[in-house]
Amino acid sequence: MPSPSLKDAALDELERLITEKMPITEHLEFELAADDQGRLRASAPLQPNTNHMGSAFGGSLSMLATVTGWAMMHQLVQETMQDAMEDMRHRVEVMIQESDIEYTRPVCENISVVCEPPDEDAQERFQEMLDRWGRARLELECKINEAGERAVTFIGQYVAMARGEERGDGVAGTSFHMESCDPSDV
């Protein structure tokens, strides 16, 4: 499976999706960028994300790392299902299942979160699980540096779930479906 690659238009659309569907993220004033190695970077100015000490607020760092991992997972789902019908791709939901964050030093400059793509073996296992069971999980790591030194390490376990699809064992996947809170999804 190829590593994720995002064009500017796709990144703009992904930013719009995140701020529209997760309105709490709007205050972050973040932007997404991708590089040739498939890394996803979320950048945000320090000023709207400061705490009472003038450094980055831990909640903003956590939220930005969570969103960066979510964006990576969203892109992986889009690429994993690139041959699927457009309708099917929109029926796969991405959500954070579990996360752990370690703050080792304050961030006193503009924030830059980097999420590395999973290796090819992990991507292949992810695709196999999604194809077979209609759900798959993946652990992603996001890093934030301050003055060239690691300041924050975030590890998130993300889940992709097909809505209303049958799992590979013939049992409808709805028993594992996490319902959306968006009234327009009903």
C-alpha atoms as a PDB file:
ATOM      1  CA  MET A   1       0.000   0.000   0.000  1.00  0.00           C
ATOM      2  CA  PRO A   2       1.450   3.419  -0.855  1.00  0.00           C
ATOM      3  CA  SER A   3       2.206   5.869   1.905  1.00  0.00           C
ATOM      4  CA  PRO A   4      -0.280   8.703   2.258  1.00  0.00           C
ATOM      5  CA  SER A   5       0.272  11.706   0.036  1.00  0.00           C
ATOM      6  CA  LEU A   6      -1.928  14.751   0.239  1.00  0.00           C
ATOM      7  CA  LYS A   7      -2.307  17.533  -2.269  1.00  0.00           C
ATOM      8  CA  ASP A   8      -3.015  21.083  -1.152  1.00  0.00           C
ATOM      9  CA  ALA A   9      -6.703  20.864  -2.165  1.00  0.00           C
ATOM     10  CA  ALA A  10      -7.129  17.610  -0.222  1.00  0.00           C
ATOM     11  CA  LEU A  11      -5.444  19.154   2.818  1.00  0.00           C
ATOM     12  CA  ASP A  12      -7.678  22.213   2.623  1.00  0.00           C
ATOM     13  CA  GLU A  13     -10.731  19.949   2.430  1.00  0.00           C
ATOM     14  CA  LEU A  14      -9.484  17.883   5.376  1.00  0.00           C
ATOM     15  CA  GLU A  15      -8.951  21.055   7.473  1.00  0.00           C
ATOM     16  CA  ARG A  16     -12.460  22.209   6.561  1.00  0.00           C
ATOM     17  CA  LEU A  17     -13.912  18.820   7.517  1.00  0.00           C
ATOM     18  CA  ILE A  18     -12.150  18.853  10.882  1.00  0.00           C
ATOM     19  CA  THR A  19     -13.176  22.390  11.854  1.00  0.00           C
ATOM     20  CA  GLU A  20     -16.740  21.842  10.601  1.00  0.00           C
ATOM     21  CA  LYS A  21     -17.326  18.478  12.281  1.00  0.00           C
ATOM     22  CA  MET A  22     -15.178  19.182  15.359  1.00  0.00           C
ATOM     23  CA  PRO A  23     -15.886  22.878  16.035  1.00  0.00           C
ATOM     24  CA  ILE A  24     -13.762  22.970  19.187  1.00  0.00           C
ATOM     25  CA  THR A  25     -10.698  22.724  16.904  1.00  0.00           C
ATOM     26  CA  GLU A  26     -11.385  26.081  15.241  1.00  0.00           C
ATOM     27  CA  HIS A  27      -9.631  28.054  18.001  1.00  0.00           C
ATOM     28  CA  LEU A  28      -6.397  26.155  17.310  1.00  0.00           C
ATOM     29  CA  GLU A  29      -5.981  28.030  13.990  1.00  0.00           C
ATOM     30  CA  PHE A  30      -4.129  25.001  12.618  1.00  0.00           C
ATOM     31  CA  GLU A  31      -2.979  24.152   9.108  1.00  0.00           C
ATOM     32  CA  LEU A  32      -2.106  20.744   7.677  1.00  0.00           C
ATOM     33  CA  ALA A  33       0.831  19.912   5.406  1.00  0.00           C
ATOM     34  CA  ALA A  34       2.328  16.669   4.119  1.00  0.00           C
ATOM     35  CA  ASP A  35       5.788  15.802   2.860  1.00  0.00           C
ATOM     36  CA  ASP A  36       7.160  13.309   0.340  1.00  0.00           C
ATOM     37  CA  GLN A  37       7.735  10.691   3.062  1.00  0.00           C
ATOM     38  CA  GLY A  38       4.027  10.665   3.950  1.00  0.00           C
ATOM     39  CA  ARG A  39       4.424  12.526   7.240  1.00  0.00           C
ATOM     40  CA  LEU A  40       1.535  14.741   8.199  1.00  0.00           C
ATOM     41  CA  ARG A  41       2.257  18.019   9.975  1.00  0.00           C
ATOM     42  CA  ALA A  42      -0.204  20.235  11.802  1.00  0.00           C
ATOM     43  CA  SER A  43       1.030  23.733  12.572  1.00  0.00           C
ATOM     44  CA  ALA A  44      -0.623  26.262  14.851  1.00  0.00           C
ATOM     45  CA  PRO A  45       0.416  29.662  16.179  1.00  0.00           C
ATOM     46  CA  LEU A  46       1.386  29.843  19.836  1.00  0.00           C
ATOM     47  CA  GLN A  47      -0.666  32.939  20.671  1.00  0.00           C
ATOM     48  CA  PRO A  48      -4.233  31.539  20.569  1.00  0.00           C
ATOM     49  CA  ASN A  49      -3.009  28.362  22.291  1.00  0.00           C
ATOM     50  CA  THR A  50      -1.165  29.801  25.310  1.00  0.00           C
ATOM     51  CA  ASN A  51      -1.658  29.142  28.980  1.00  0.00           C
ATOM     52  CA  HIS A  52      -1.232  31.525  31.926  1.00  0.00           C
ATOM     53  CA  MET A  53       2.578  31.065  31.775  1.00  0.00           C
ATOM     54  CA  GLY A  54       2.873  32.072  28.105  1.00  0.00           C
ATOM     55  CA  SER A  55       3.727  28.561  26.896  1.00  0.00           C
ATOM     56  CA  ALA A  56       1.427  26.304  24.876  1.00  0.00           C
ATOM     57  CA  PHE A  57      -1.603  25.066  26.789  1.00  0.00           C
ATOM     58  CA  GLY A  58      -1.444  21.301  27.348  1.00  0.00           C
ATOM     59  CA  GLY A  59      -5.050  20.906  26.204  1.00  0.00           C
ATOM     60  CA  SER A  60      -4.251  22.579  22.878  1.00  0.00           C
ATOM     61  CA  LEU A  61      -1.193  20.357  22.416  1.00  0.00           C
ATOM     62  CA  SER A  62      -3.239  17.248  23.173  1.00  0.00           C
ATOM     63  CA  MET A  63      -6.077  18.307  20.886  1.00  0.00           C
ATOM     64  CA  LEU A  64      -3.734  19.190  18.029  1.00  0.00           C
ATOM     65  CA  ALA A  65      -1.902  15.862  18.357  1.00  0.00           C
ATOM     66  CA  THR A  66      -5.213  13.962  18.470  1.00  0.00           C
ATOM     67  CA  VAL A  67      -6.466  15.786  15.371  1.00  0.00           C
ATOM     68  CA  THR A  68      -3.188  15.192  13.510  1.00  0.00           C
ATOM     69  CA  GLY A  69      -3.406  11.459  14.176  1.00  0.00           C
ATOM     70  CA  TRP A  70      -7.083  11.497  13.203  1.00  0.00           C
ATOM     71  CA  ALA A  71      -6.214  13.256   9.929  1.00  0.00           C
ATOM     72  CA  MET A  72      -3.523  10.645   9.198  1.00  0.00           C
ATOM     73  CA  MET A  73      -5.984   7.818   9.903  1.00  0.00           C
ATOM     74  CA  HIS A  74      -8.655   9.508   7.761  1.00  0.00           C
ATOM     75  CA  GLN A  75      -6.196   9.725   4.877  1.00  0.00           C
ATOM     76  CA  LEU A  76      -5.164   6.091   5.303  1.00  0.00           C
ATOM     77  CA  VAL A  77      -8.818   5.040   5.101  1.00  0.00           C
ATOM     78  CA  GLN A  78      -9.294   7.132   1.969  1.00  0.00           C
ATOM     79  CA  GLU A  79      -6.234   5.572   0.330  1.00  0.00           C
ATOM     80  CA  THR A  80      -6.992   2.050   1.568  1.00  0.00           C
ATOM     81  CA  MET A  81     -10.410   2.285  -0.006  1.00  0.00           C
ATOM     82  CA  GLN A  82      -9.385   4.229  -3.101  1.00  0.00           C
ATOM     83  CA  ASP A  83     -10.904   1.573  -5.370  1.00  0.00           C
ATOM     84  CA  ALA A  84     -14.124   1.392  -3.347  1.00  0.00           C
ATOM     85  CA  MET A  85     -17.212   3.278  -4.351  1.00  0.00           C
ATOM     86  CA  GLU A  86     -17.326   6.876  -3.105  1.00  0.00           C
ATOM     87  CA  ASP A  87     -20.406   6.033  -1.019  1.00  0.00           C
ATOM     88  CA  MET A  88     -18.546   3.241   0.800  1.00  0.00           C
ATOM     89  CA  ARG A  89     -15.610   5.511   1.665  1.00  0.00           C
ATOM     90  CA  HIS A  90     -18.017   7.931   3.328  1.00  0.00           C
ATOM     91  CA  ARG A  91     -19.475   5.117   5.438  1.00  0.00           C
ATOM     92  CA  VAL A  92     -16.201   4.414   7.226  1.00  0.00           C
ATOM     93  CA  GLU A  93     -15.875   6.364  10.442  1.00  0.00           C
ATOM     94  CA  VAL A  94     -12.571   7.209  12.089  1.00  0.00           C
ATOM     95  CA  MET A  95     -12.352   7.768  15.824  1.00  0.00           C
ATOM     96  CA  ILE A  96      -9.806   7.845  18.607  1.00  0.00           C
ATOM     97  CA  GLN A  97     -10.120   4.849  20.916  1.00  0.00           C
ATOM     98  CA  GLU A  98      -7.322   5.429  23.400  1.00  0.00           C
ATOM     99  CA  SER A  99      -4.432   7.820  23.827  1.00  0.00           C
ATOM    100  CA  ASP A 100      -1.449   8.551  25.997  1.00  0.00           C
ATOM    101  CA  ILE A 101       0.495  11.794  26.075  1.00  0.00           C
ATOM    102  CA  GLU A 102       3.774  12.688  27.735  1.00  0.00           C
ATOM    103  CA  TYR A 103       4.822  16.316  28.235  1.00  0.00           C
ATOM    104  CA  THR A 104       8.571  16.539  28.820  1.00  0.00           C
ATOM    105  CA  ARG A 105       9.171  20.276  28.402  1.00  0.00           C
ATOM    106  CA  PRO A 106       7.142  23.437  27.746  1.00  0.00           C
ATOM    107  CA  VAL A 107       6.440  24.531  24.184  1.00  0.00           C
ATOM    108  CA  CYS A 108       7.195  28.249  23.914  1.00  0.00           C
ATOM    109  CA  GLU A 109       7.115  28.652  20.128  1.00  0.00           C
ATOM    110  CA  ASN A 110       4.611  28.068  17.356  1.00  0.00           C
ATOM    111  CA  ILE A 111       3.346  24.497  17.527  1.00  0.00           C
ATOM    112  CA  SER A 112       4.269  21.852  14.986  1.00  0.00           C
ATOM    113  CA  VAL A 113       2.923  18.313  15.386  1.00  0.00           C
ATOM    114  CA  VAL A 114       4.372  15.583  13.170  1.00  0.00           C
ATOM    115  CA  CYS A 115       2.665  12.229  12.618  1.00  0.00           C
ATOM    116  CA  GLU A 116       4.701   9.544  10.891  1.00  0.00           C
ATOM    117  CA  PRO A 117       2.801   7.134   8.647  1.00  0.00           C
ATOM    118  CA  PRO A 118       2.656   3.542   9.853  1.00  0.00           C
ATOM    119  CA  ASP A 119       5.074   1.119   8.206  1.00  0.00           C
ATOM    120  CA  GLU A 120       3.926  -0.947   5.224  1.00  0.00           C
ATOM    121  CA  ASP A 121       3.280  -4.085   7.308  1.00  0.00           C
ATOM    122  CA  ALA A 122       0.998  -2.173   9.666  1.00  0.00           C
ATOM    123  CA  GLN A 123      -0.817  -0.591   6.721  1.00  0.00           C
ATOM    124  CA  GLU A 124      -1.323  -3.992   5.084  1.00  0.00           C
ATOM    125  CA  ARG A 125      -2.657  -5.517   8.331  1.00  0.00           C
ATOM    126  CA  PHE A 126      -4.947  -2.497   8.703  1.00  0.00           C
ATOM    127  CA  GLN A 127      -6.327  -2.959   5.183  1.00  0.00           C
ATOM    128  CA  GLU A 128      -6.819  -6.711   5.679  1.00  0.00           C
ATOM    129  CA  MET A 129      -8.724  -6.156   8.930  1.00  0.00           C
ATOM    130  CA  LEU A 130     -10.889  -3.410   7.434  1.00  0.00           C
ATOM    131  CA  ASP A 131     -11.694  -5.584   4.407  1.00  0.00           C
ATOM    132  CA  ARG A 132     -12.421  -8.698   6.468  1.00  0.00           C
ATOM    133  CA  TRP A 133     -14.122  -7.356   9.600  1.00  0.00           C
ATOM    134  CA  GLY A 134     -15.334  -3.904   8.591  1.00  0.00           C
ATOM    135  CA  ARG A 135     -13.200  -2.387  11.355  1.00  0.00           C
ATOM    136  CA  ALA A 136      -9.514  -1.981  12.019  1.00  0.00           C
ATOM    137  CA  ARG A 137      -7.292  -0.189  14.489  1.00  0.00           C
ATOM    138  CA  LEU A 138      -3.944   1.416  14.185  1.00  0.00           C
ATOM    139  CA  GLU A 139      -1.537   2.996  16.646  1.00  0.00           C
ATOM    140  CA  LEU A 140      -0.083   6.317  15.535  1.00  0.00           C
ATOM    141  CA  GLU A 141       2.591   8.447  17.167  1.00  0.00           C
ATOM    142  CA  CYS A 142       2.687  12.227  17.012  1.00  0.00           C
ATOM    143  CA  LYS A 143       5.623  14.319  18.169  1.00  0.00           C
ATOM    144  CA  ILE A 144       6.052  17.958  19.107  1.00  0.00           C
ATOM    145  CA  ASN A 145       9.520  19.445  19.409  1.00  0.00           C
ATOM    146  CA  GLU A 146      10.640  22.639  21.109  1.00  0.00           C
ATOM    147  CA  ALA A 147      13.959  24.161  19.990  1.00  0.00           C
ATOM    148  CA  GLY A 148      14.961  20.855  18.373  1.00  0.00           C
ATOM    149  CA  GLU A 149      14.217  18.756  21.479  1.00  0.00           C
ATOM    150  CA  ARG A 150      11.234  16.479  22.066  1.00  0.00           C
ATOM    151  CA  ALA A 151       8.629  18.273  24.138  1.00  0.00           C
ATOM    152  CA  VAL A 152       5.537  16.102  23.679  1.00  0.00           C
ATOM    153  CA  THR A 153       4.961  12.506  22.610  1.00  0.00           C
ATOM    154  CA  PHE A 154       1.406  11.435  21.834  1.00  0.00           C
ATOM    155  CA  ILE A 155       0.429   7.844  21.083  1.00  0.00           C
ATOM    156  CA  GLY A 156      -3.107   7.280  19.902  1.00  0.00           C
ATOM    157  CA  GLN A 157      -4.987   4.162  18.974  1.00  0.00           C
ATOM    158  CA  TYR A 158      -7.435   4.991  16.204  1.00  0.00           C
ATOM    159  CA  VAL A 159     -10.267   2.848  14.914  1.00  0.00           C
ATOM    160  CA  ALA A 160     -11.857   2.802  11.467  1.00  0.00           C
ATOM    161  CA  MET A 161     -15.348   1.284  11.336  1.00  0.00           C
ATOM    162  CA  ALA A 162     -17.664   0.657   8.438  1.00  0.00           C
ATOM    163  CA  ARG A 163     -21.169   1.810   9.316  1.00  0.00           C
ATOM    164  CA  GLY A 164     -23.776  -0.916   8.853  1.00  0.00           C
ATOM    165  CA  GLU A 165     -21.479  -3.223   6.901  1.00  0.00           C
ATOM    166  CA  GLU A 166     -21.260  -6.945   7.495  1.00  0.00           C
ATOM    167  CA  ARG A 167     -18.098  -8.277   9.048  1.00  0.00           C
ATOM    168  CA  GLY A 168     -16.184 -11.099   7.401  1.00  0.00           C
ATOM    169  CA  ASP A 169     -17.914 -13.606   9.677  1.00  0.00           C
ATOM    170  CA  GLY A 170     -21.338 -12.693   8.239  1.00  0.00           C
ATOM    171  CA  VAL A 171     -22.497 -10.932  11.397  1.00  0.00           C
ATOM    172  CA  ALA A 172     -23.750  -7.402  10.909  1.00  0.00           C
ATOM    173  CA  GLY A 173     -21.204  -4.919  12.224  1.00  0.00           C
ATOM    174  CA  THR A 174     -23.775  -2.782  13.986  1.00  0.00           C
ATOM    175  CA  SER A 175     -23.102  -4.397  17.364  1.00  0.00           C
ATOM    176  CA  PHE A 176     -19.641  -2.804  17.267  1.00  0.00           C
ATOM    177  CA  HIS A 177     -20.789   0.492  15.753  1.00  0.00           C
ATOM    178  CA  MET A 178     -20.315   3.630  17.790  1.00  0.00           C
ATOM    179  CA  GLU A 179     -23.299   5.819  17.007  1.00  0.00           C
ATOM    180  CA  SER A 180     -22.724   9.273  15.644  1.00  0.00           C
ATOM    181  CA  CYS A 181     -24.067  12.203  17.632  1.00  0.00           C
ATOM    182  CA  ASP A 182     -24.611  14.232  14.448  1.00  0.00           C
ATOM    183  CA  PRO A 183     -28.393  14.473  13.828  1.00  0.00           C
ATOM    184  CA  SER A 184     -27.769  14.697  10.067  1.00  0.00           C
ATOM    185  CA  ASP A 185     -26.296  11.160  10.173  1.00  0.00           C
ATOM    186  CA  VAL A 186     -29.606   9.617  11.303  1.00  0.00           C
END
